Protein backbone atom coordinates (compact mmCIF):
# COMPACT_ATOMS: atom_id res chain seq x y z
CA UNK A 1 104.08 117.87 118.79
CA UNK A 2 106.31 120.12 116.90
CA UNK A 3 109.18 117.76 115.65
CA UNK A 4 111.56 120.28 117.87
CA UNK A 5 109.99 119.44 120.87
CA UNK A 6 110.04 115.23 119.92
CA UNK A 7 113.63 115.42 119.01
CA UNK A 8 114.50 116.93 122.26
CA UNK A 9 112.69 114.41 124.09
CA UNK A 10 109.84 116.24 125.95
CA UNK A 11 107.31 113.71 127.32
CA UNK A 12 103.67 113.86 126.01
CA UNK A 13 100.82 113.59 128.72
CA UNK A 14 97.17 112.53 128.28
CA UNK A 15 94.12 112.47 130.24
CA UNK A 16 93.43 108.82 131.12
CA UNK A 17 89.90 109.31 130.55
CA UNK A 18 90.74 109.50 126.68
CA UNK A 19 91.63 105.63 126.32
CA UNK A 20 87.81 105.47 127.51
CA UNK A 21 86.69 107.36 124.79
CA UNK A 22 83.66 106.67 122.63
CA UNK A 23 82.79 106.68 119.15
CA UNK A 24 80.87 110.09 119.39
CA UNK A 25 82.92 111.52 121.38
CA UNK A 26 81.73 111.20 125.01
CA UNK A 27 82.74 109.64 128.20
CA UNK A 28 82.03 107.00 131.29
CA UNK A 29 81.81 108.56 134.52
CA UNK A 30 85.30 109.18 136.16
CA UNK A 31 85.18 106.24 138.56
CA UNK A 32 86.08 104.15 135.31
CA UNK A 33 89.10 105.79 134.43
CA UNK A 34 89.98 107.49 138.04
CA UNK A 35 88.13 110.30 139.41
CA UNK A 36 90.80 112.50 139.21
CA UNK A 37 91.12 111.89 135.90
CA UNK A 38 95.16 112.33 136.00
CA UNK A 39 97.56 111.87 132.75
CA UNK A 40 99.19 109.20 131.26
CA UNK A 41 102.57 109.20 129.21
CA UNK A 42 102.63 108.65 125.87
CA UNK A 43 106.04 106.70 124.81
CA UNK A 44 106.64 106.42 121.41
CA UNK A 45 107.83 103.32 120.11
CA UNK A 46 111.12 103.71 118.00
CA UNK A 47 110.47 101.04 115.39
CA UNK A 48 106.91 103.01 114.64
CA UNK A 49 107.90 106.62 114.21
CA UNK A 50 107.36 107.26 110.19
CA UNK A 51 106.96 109.95 108.13
CA UNK A 52 103.74 110.32 106.48
CA UNK A 53 104.13 110.14 102.47
CA UNK A 54 100.63 111.49 101.75
CA UNK A 55 100.98 114.46 103.49
CA UNK A 56 101.72 117.67 101.78
CA UNK A 57 103.23 119.42 104.81
CA UNK A 58 106.34 117.18 106.26
CA UNK A 59 104.92 115.27 108.80
CA UNK A 60 105.07 112.01 111.26
CA UNK A 61 103.31 109.70 113.10
CA UNK A 62 104.59 107.81 116.14
CA UNK A 63 102.83 105.31 117.29
CA UNK A 64 103.45 105.41 121.19
CA UNK A 65 102.59 103.14 124.81
CA UNK A 66 100.53 104.56 127.30
CA UNK A 67 102.08 104.21 130.53
CA UNK A 68 101.46 105.29 134.02
CA UNK A 69 103.17 108.31 135.07
CA UNK A 70 104.72 105.65 137.44
CA UNK A 71 106.41 103.84 134.36
CA UNK A 72 104.12 100.60 134.56
CA UNK A 73 101.61 100.48 131.50
CA UNK A 74 97.54 101.26 131.64
CA UNK A 75 95.32 98.35 132.29
CA UNK A 76 93.08 100.71 130.00
CA UNK A 77 95.60 100.64 126.40
CA UNK A 78 95.27 98.04 124.12
CA UNK A 79 98.55 98.06 123.10
CA UNK A 80 99.56 97.50 126.36
CA UNK A 81 97.19 94.24 126.81
CA UNK A 82 98.75 93.01 123.71
CA UNK A 83 102.04 92.95 125.14
CA UNK A 84 101.29 92.04 128.20
CA UNK A 85 99.92 88.58 126.49
CA UNK A 86 103.04 88.55 124.46
CA UNK A 87 104.84 88.26 127.96
CA UNK A 88 102.89 85.83 128.94
CA UNK A 89 103.90 83.58 126.13
CA UNK A 90 107.63 84.14 126.14
CA UNK A 91 107.36 83.12 130.00
CA UNK A 92 106.73 79.67 128.66
CA UNK A 93 109.49 79.52 126.17
CA UNK A 94 106.77 80.25 123.07
CA UNK A 95 106.50 83.15 120.44
CA UNK A 96 102.85 83.85 118.94
CA UNK A 97 103.08 84.64 115.09
CA UNK A 98 100.13 85.86 113.78
CA UNK A 99 98.74 87.23 110.47
CA UNK A 100 96.08 89.33 109.53
CA UNK A 101 93.77 89.62 106.49
CA UNK A 102 91.68 92.94 106.35
CA UNK A 103 88.82 93.84 103.79
CA UNK A 104 87.43 97.36 102.99
CA UNK A 105 85.20 99.58 100.90
CA UNK A 106 86.34 102.36 98.73
CA UNK A 107 83.18 104.54 97.35
CA UNK A 108 82.56 107.51 96.29
CA UNK A 109 82.23 110.16 98.48
CA UNK A 110 78.91 109.82 101.28
CA UNK A 111 77.41 113.69 102.30
CA UNK A 112 74.29 112.65 103.22
CA UNK A 113 74.45 109.09 105.69
CA UNK A 114 70.20 108.74 104.98
CA UNK A 115 71.65 107.87 101.89
CA UNK A 116 73.59 104.35 101.19
CA UNK A 117 77.24 104.04 100.30
CA UNK A 118 77.94 104.49 96.33
CA UNK A 119 80.97 102.94 94.61
CA UNK A 120 82.87 105.52 92.60
CA UNK A 121 82.28 106.06 88.42
CA UNK A 122 84.34 103.85 86.62
CA UNK A 123 86.48 104.61 83.57
CA UNK A 124 83.43 103.38 81.65
CA UNK A 125 81.34 106.07 83.49
CA UNK A 126 79.83 103.54 85.39
CA UNK A 127 79.43 102.19 88.82
CA UNK A 128 80.51 98.76 89.80
CA UNK A 129 76.99 96.75 90.07
CA UNK A 130 78.63 93.24 91.91
CA UNK A 131 80.53 91.36 88.76
CA UNK A 132 83.95 92.07 89.57
CA UNK A 133 84.86 89.88 92.61
CA UNK A 134 88.60 88.81 91.95
CA UNK A 135 88.80 90.62 88.29
CA UNK A 136 92.19 91.86 87.59
CA UNK A 137 90.17 94.84 85.52
CA UNK A 138 91.25 98.38 85.74
CA UNK A 139 87.54 99.46 84.59
CA UNK A 140 86.63 100.81 87.99
CA UNK A 141 89.01 103.03 87.75
CA UNK A 142 90.82 102.70 91.17
CA UNK A 143 94.23 102.00 89.24
CA UNK A 144 96.27 105.35 90.32
CA UNK A 145 94.58 105.09 94.22
CA UNK A 146 96.02 102.19 94.58
CA UNK A 147 99.30 102.54 93.04
CA UNK A 148 99.62 105.33 95.50
CA UNK A 149 98.68 103.06 98.38
CA UNK A 150 101.32 100.75 97.58
CA UNK A 151 103.93 103.24 97.28
CA UNK A 152 102.70 104.55 100.80
CA UNK A 153 102.79 101.28 102.26
CA UNK A 154 107.00 100.54 101.05
CA UNK A 155 107.40 104.14 102.67
CA UNK A 156 106.23 102.87 105.66
CA UNK A 157 107.71 99.70 105.60
CA UNK A 158 104.59 97.68 105.28
CA UNK A 159 105.39 94.26 103.69
CA UNK A 160 102.17 93.16 101.93
CA UNK A 161 101.25 89.71 100.85
CA UNK A 162 98.51 89.72 98.28
CA UNK A 163 95.93 92.01 97.56
CA UNK A 164 92.40 91.21 95.73
CA UNK A 165 88.76 92.31 94.86
CA UNK A 166 86.40 90.92 97.81
CA UNK A 167 82.99 89.49 96.78
CA UNK A 168 81.11 92.79 97.77
CA UNK A 169 80.65 96.00 95.84
CA UNK A 170 84.15 97.63 95.01
CA UNK A 171 85.13 95.41 98.40
CA UNK A 172 88.90 94.71 98.13
CA UNK A 173 91.21 92.77 100.95
CA UNK A 174 94.90 92.61 101.66
CA UNK A 175 97.14 90.08 103.31
CA UNK A 176 99.66 91.02 105.75
CA UNK A 177 102.66 88.95 105.57
CA UNK A 178 102.79 86.97 109.51
CA UNK A 179 104.93 87.99 111.64
CA UNK A 180 104.97 89.37 115.19
CA UNK A 181 101.79 90.12 117.13
CA UNK A 182 102.77 93.81 118.11
CA UNK A 183 104.42 94.43 114.48
CA UNK A 184 101.34 93.10 113.00
CA UNK A 185 98.76 95.27 115.35
CA UNK A 186 101.26 98.39 114.34
CA UNK A 187 101.08 97.52 110.49
CA UNK A 188 97.49 96.82 110.78
CA UNK A 189 96.25 100.16 112.39
CA UNK A 190 98.67 102.14 109.69
CA UNK A 191 97.58 100.20 106.87
CA UNK A 192 93.75 101.40 108.06
CA UNK A 193 95.02 105.33 108.37
CA UNK A 194 97.22 105.32 105.08
CA UNK A 195 93.93 104.01 103.06
CA UNK A 196 91.66 106.67 104.43
CA UNK A 197 94.37 109.14 103.92
CA UNK A 198 95.51 108.61 100.30
CA UNK A 199 91.39 107.76 99.42
CA UNK A 200 90.96 111.52 100.81
CA UNK A 201 93.46 112.93 98.61
CA UNK A 202 92.09 110.81 95.00
CA UNK A 203 88.48 111.79 95.81
CA UNK A 204 87.24 108.76 97.31
CA UNK A 205 86.21 107.15 100.93
CA UNK A 206 87.70 103.94 102.60
CA UNK A 207 84.99 102.53 104.83
CA UNK A 208 86.16 99.69 107.32
CA UNK A 209 82.59 99.56 108.64
CA UNK A 210 81.60 95.81 109.18
CA UNK A 211 78.48 95.84 107.10
CA UNK A 212 78.35 99.26 105.32
CA UNK A 213 76.28 97.57 101.98
CA UNK A 214 72.83 95.52 102.69
CA UNK A 215 72.45 92.56 100.84
CA UNK A 216 76.85 92.35 100.47
CA UNK A 217 78.90 90.49 102.44
CA UNK A 218 80.23 92.25 105.01
CA UNK A 219 84.83 92.86 105.88
CA UNK A 220 86.43 91.15 107.99
CA UNK A 221 89.76 90.47 109.80
CA UNK A 222 90.36 87.17 109.98
CA UNK A 223 93.40 86.87 112.46
CA UNK A 224 95.81 83.46 111.71
CA UNK A 225 97.72 82.42 114.49
CA UNK A 226 100.45 79.94 115.26
CA UNK A 227 103.15 79.25 117.69
CA UNK A 228 106.91 78.78 117.73
CA UNK A 229 109.26 77.55 120.05
CA UNK A 230 111.98 80.56 120.66
CA UNK A 231 115.13 79.97 119.70
CA UNK A 232 114.66 77.53 117.71
CA UNK A 233 111.32 78.77 115.82
CA UNK A 234 109.83 75.36 115.02
CA UNK A 235 106.06 75.59 114.93
CA UNK A 236 104.78 73.65 117.95
CA UNK A 237 101.30 72.94 116.15
CA UNK A 238 103.05 70.13 114.99
CA UNK A 239 105.41 67.05 115.56
CA UNK A 240 108.41 65.62 114.29
CA UNK A 241 105.91 63.44 112.02
CA UNK A 242 104.11 66.25 110.72
CA UNK A 243 100.79 65.60 113.46
CA UNK A 244 99.01 68.35 115.13
CA UNK A 245 99.99 68.24 119.13
CA UNK A 246 98.07 68.34 122.06
CA UNK A 247 99.14 72.04 122.26
CA UNK A 248 97.74 72.67 119.09
CA UNK A 249 94.43 70.81 120.47
CA UNK A 250 94.44 72.81 123.88
CA UNK A 251 94.96 76.07 121.76
CA UNK A 252 91.63 75.59 120.26
CA UNK A 253 89.94 74.54 123.27
CA UNK A 254 91.10 77.90 124.44
CA UNK A 255 89.32 79.85 121.98
CA UNK A 256 86.40 77.64 121.91
CA UNK A 257 85.90 78.60 126.01
CA UNK A 258 86.71 82.08 125.42
CA UNK A 259 85.04 83.70 122.21
CA UNK A 260 81.23 84.10 123.17
CA UNK A 261 83.37 86.28 126.67
CA UNK A 262 85.19 87.88 124.15
CA UNK A 263 82.45 88.33 120.64
CA UNK A 264 82.38 92.45 122.05
CA UNK A 265 85.98 92.58 122.00
CA UNK A 266 86.30 91.10 118.42
CA UNK A 267 82.94 92.34 116.82
CA UNK A 268 83.06 96.07 119.36
CA UNK A 269 79.65 98.34 117.51
CA UNK A 270 75.96 97.73 116.51
CA UNK A 271 76.88 97.46 112.78
CA UNK A 272 78.97 94.45 113.50
CA UNK A 273 76.46 92.19 114.23
CA UNK A 274 74.69 92.99 110.73
CA UNK A 275 78.22 91.28 109.37
CA UNK A 276 77.68 88.44 111.39
CA UNK A 277 74.01 87.61 110.41
CA UNK A 278 75.24 86.05 107.03
CA UNK A 279 75.94 82.50 107.94
CA UNK A 280 78.49 82.11 105.24
CA UNK A 281 82.17 83.35 105.53
CA UNK A 282 80.95 85.62 108.76
CA UNK A 283 80.83 82.74 110.51
CA UNK A 284 78.96 83.44 114.32
CA UNK A 285 80.40 80.49 116.12
CA UNK A 286 82.84 78.53 117.30
CA UNK A 287 83.08 75.36 115.90
CA UNK A 288 86.44 74.42 114.04
CA UNK A 289 86.88 72.93 110.86
CA UNK A 290 89.77 71.73 108.41
CA UNK A 291 89.76 74.19 105.81
CA UNK A 292 85.81 75.11 106.23
CA UNK A 293 84.77 78.72 105.99
CA UNK A 294 81.51 78.18 107.99
CA UNK A 295 83.35 77.24 110.81
CA UNK A 296 84.46 80.00 113.11
CA UNK A 297 87.65 78.87 113.86
CA UNK A 298 89.20 77.53 110.43
CA UNK A 299 92.16 75.29 109.91
CA UNK A 300 93.28 76.51 106.69
CA UNK A 301 95.21 73.55 104.05
CA UNK A 302 98.88 73.72 104.43
CA UNK A 303 102.07 72.26 105.46
CA UNK A 304 102.70 71.51 108.61
CA UNK A 305 105.48 74.05 108.95
CA UNK A 306 102.93 76.22 108.26
CA UNK A 307 99.82 74.61 110.44
CA UNK A 308 98.15 78.11 112.10
CA UNK A 309 94.44 78.77 113.90
CA UNK A 310 92.23 81.22 111.59
CA UNK A 311 90.21 82.74 114.13
CA UNK A 312 87.40 84.25 111.08
CA UNK A 313 85.01 86.21 114.04
CA UNK A 314 86.98 89.77 113.85
CA UNK A 315 85.76 92.21 111.93
CA UNK A 316 87.11 95.02 110.27
CA UNK A 317 85.87 97.16 112.55
CA UNK A 318 87.52 95.63 115.33
CA UNK A 319 90.45 97.29 117.16
CA UNK A 320 93.57 94.94 116.04
CA UNK A 321 95.23 94.96 119.02
CA UNK A 322 92.68 93.83 121.23
CA UNK A 323 91.32 91.63 118.69
CA UNK A 324 94.65 89.89 118.47
CA UNK A 325 94.97 90.35 122.25
CA UNK A 326 91.89 88.45 122.97
CA UNK A 327 92.83 86.07 120.45
CA UNK A 328 95.92 84.97 121.73
CA UNK A 329 94.64 86.03 125.44
CA UNK A 330 91.93 82.80 124.88
CA UNK A 331 94.32 80.27 123.13
CA UNK A 332 96.88 80.46 126.18
CA UNK A 333 94.17 79.93 128.12
CA UNK A 334 93.64 76.86 126.49
CA UNK A 335 96.79 75.51 126.71
CA UNK A 336 97.58 76.61 130.85
CA UNK A 337 94.65 74.59 131.16
CA UNK A 338 95.04 71.90 128.62
CA UNK A 339 91.21 72.23 127.24
CA UNK A 340 90.48 69.52 125.08
CA UNK A 341 88.12 71.24 121.48
CA UNK A 342 85.39 69.41 120.27
CA UNK A 343 85.44 66.89 117.79
CA UNK A 344 86.24 69.43 114.36
CA UNK A 345 83.19 69.52 111.98
CA UNK A 346 83.16 69.21 108.20
CA UNK A 347 80.68 70.34 105.53
CA UNK A 348 76.84 71.45 106.47
CA UNK A 349 76.41 71.56 109.93
CA UNK A 350 74.43 72.59 113.51
CA UNK A 351 75.87 74.76 114.96
CA UNK A 352 75.57 73.51 118.77
CA UNK A 353 74.21 76.31 121.63
CA UNK A 354 77.31 75.73 123.74
CA UNK A 355 78.94 76.89 120.53
CA UNK A 356 76.82 79.77 119.48
CA UNK A 357 77.69 83.18 120.19
CA UNK A 358 75.91 86.71 120.82
CA UNK A 359 74.09 87.93 117.82
CA UNK A 360 73.77 91.61 119.33
CA UNK A 361 76.01 93.92 120.95
CA UNK A 362 74.03 94.34 123.71
CA UNK A 363 73.99 90.52 124.43
CA UNK A 364 77.90 90.36 123.39
CA UNK A 365 78.12 93.02 126.39
CA UNK A 366 75.78 91.12 128.67
CA UNK A 367 78.26 88.10 128.13
CA UNK A 368 81.60 90.01 129.09
CA UNK A 369 79.90 91.82 132.13
CA UNK A 370 79.35 87.62 132.99
CA UNK A 371 82.91 87.03 132.16
CA UNK A 372 85.16 85.46 135.08
CA UNK A 373 87.35 84.75 132.41
CA UNK A 374 87.70 88.40 130.71
CA UNK A 375 88.74 90.04 134.13
CA UNK A 376 91.85 87.37 134.81
CA UNK A 377 92.86 88.01 131.23
CA UNK A 378 92.41 91.42 131.13
CA UNK A 379 91.94 93.00 134.39
CA UNK A 380 88.82 94.54 135.82
CA UNK A 381 89.24 98.00 135.26
CA UNK A 382 89.93 97.10 131.80
CA UNK A 383 86.95 95.05 131.24
CA UNK A 384 84.04 97.62 133.08
CA UNK A 385 85.49 100.64 131.01
CA UNK A 386 85.14 99.01 128.39
CA UNK A 387 81.97 97.92 128.85
CA UNK A 388 80.90 101.50 130.41
CA UNK A 389 82.58 103.20 126.98
CA UNK A 390 80.42 100.47 124.76
CA UNK A 391 77.49 100.61 126.51
CA UNK A 392 76.89 104.78 125.91
CA UNK A 393 77.32 104.07 122.50
CA UNK A 394 74.36 101.20 122.24
CA UNK A 395 72.64 103.98 124.34
CA UNK A 396 73.27 106.63 121.47
CA UNK A 397 72.26 104.07 118.43
CA UNK A 398 69.01 103.08 120.41
CA UNK A 399 68.11 107.04 120.66
CA UNK A 400 67.74 107.00 117.20
CA UNK A 401 64.93 105.55 114.47
CA UNK A 402 66.12 104.49 111.51
CA UNK A 403 64.21 104.68 107.94
CA UNK A 404 63.56 100.59 108.34
CA UNK A 405 61.20 101.80 111.22
CA UNK A 406 59.42 104.57 109.69
CA UNK A 407 59.24 102.85 106.60
CA UNK A 408 57.64 99.34 107.57
CA UNK A 409 56.04 100.07 111.02
CA UNK A 410 54.34 103.48 110.78
CA UNK A 411 51.59 102.10 108.74
CA UNK A 412 51.25 99.26 111.62
CA UNK A 413 47.68 99.14 113.66
């Protein structure tokens, strides 16, 4: 839209079906979004209108809510779903506090998807080989790129906590400061968009796939969650003596009850499950533990005022609005129904069958399809539309034969 049209308050409308567009560009049958495919109104959030500092031609971006023309939020909108979950907490006098940790890879341009991604050429003329985890070296030649990333973050009002080189080849992680869940979802979305745009200016590509490289750790989007009392700001996961509360345990119990049903929301792509096949640091389970990274739900070591639950299942490819909404909705389900968690696990452990999660997109979609809890929390319209769109993507994947199949199976009798 032109700046003049935006400032005049001209309404921008969009076909309802766009909210269910699959990643290849197609749409599921119209029955999933209304046979007329009528319009939605895009209502800009006044707190999320930003000049884009990396754009040579002056441009701005406005994060919008997708509303029905009658005024209510569209049930197909993931941002709208998150706002509804936050409102349900507010009705109980509680406000969720969330932080995200986003991992990503920085690669050289890849013009042939048949070839693996490669790290950029470093200052010494070589490509990183995986020996740089947690390094502060500038040998990878990415200082100019990260300098502009930091500058653009400041211009967009994105506060950052820590930035580090992660375990993978040319893999990095940012921790965003904790705060309101809607704000953190917006910031995570803006940061991913910023990364990709700035990378292109520097002759690089940023990849937020869950598992872009074989034999290398994948990229997560861990979600840290706590609850505070509206008004006092007190963390209700800890009592006056600093001990965990019943509400804290009910929150964990709800997450355990919902994680298998919601796996397709946390791990939305075929590639998501490549990351979850790695047993360490990408746990595909609903166990919980105090400071054990093999558990899907980890309680980080912290003071009582900072007691929180870390959901380690979501990948960097997850929709931040939907992943945060699903995690908080599961916790709220546990609070409302006073669900008790299993016993915490420590050290090496075997995952009980009742705490294992789907390990393929097909299995996750089948679990979601059978979930009454998902329909209660997100509505049948959203769940059925989401499954329809993701089923199209899965079918498209199965329409292709991979290099592994040609290499390994062609010679079989």
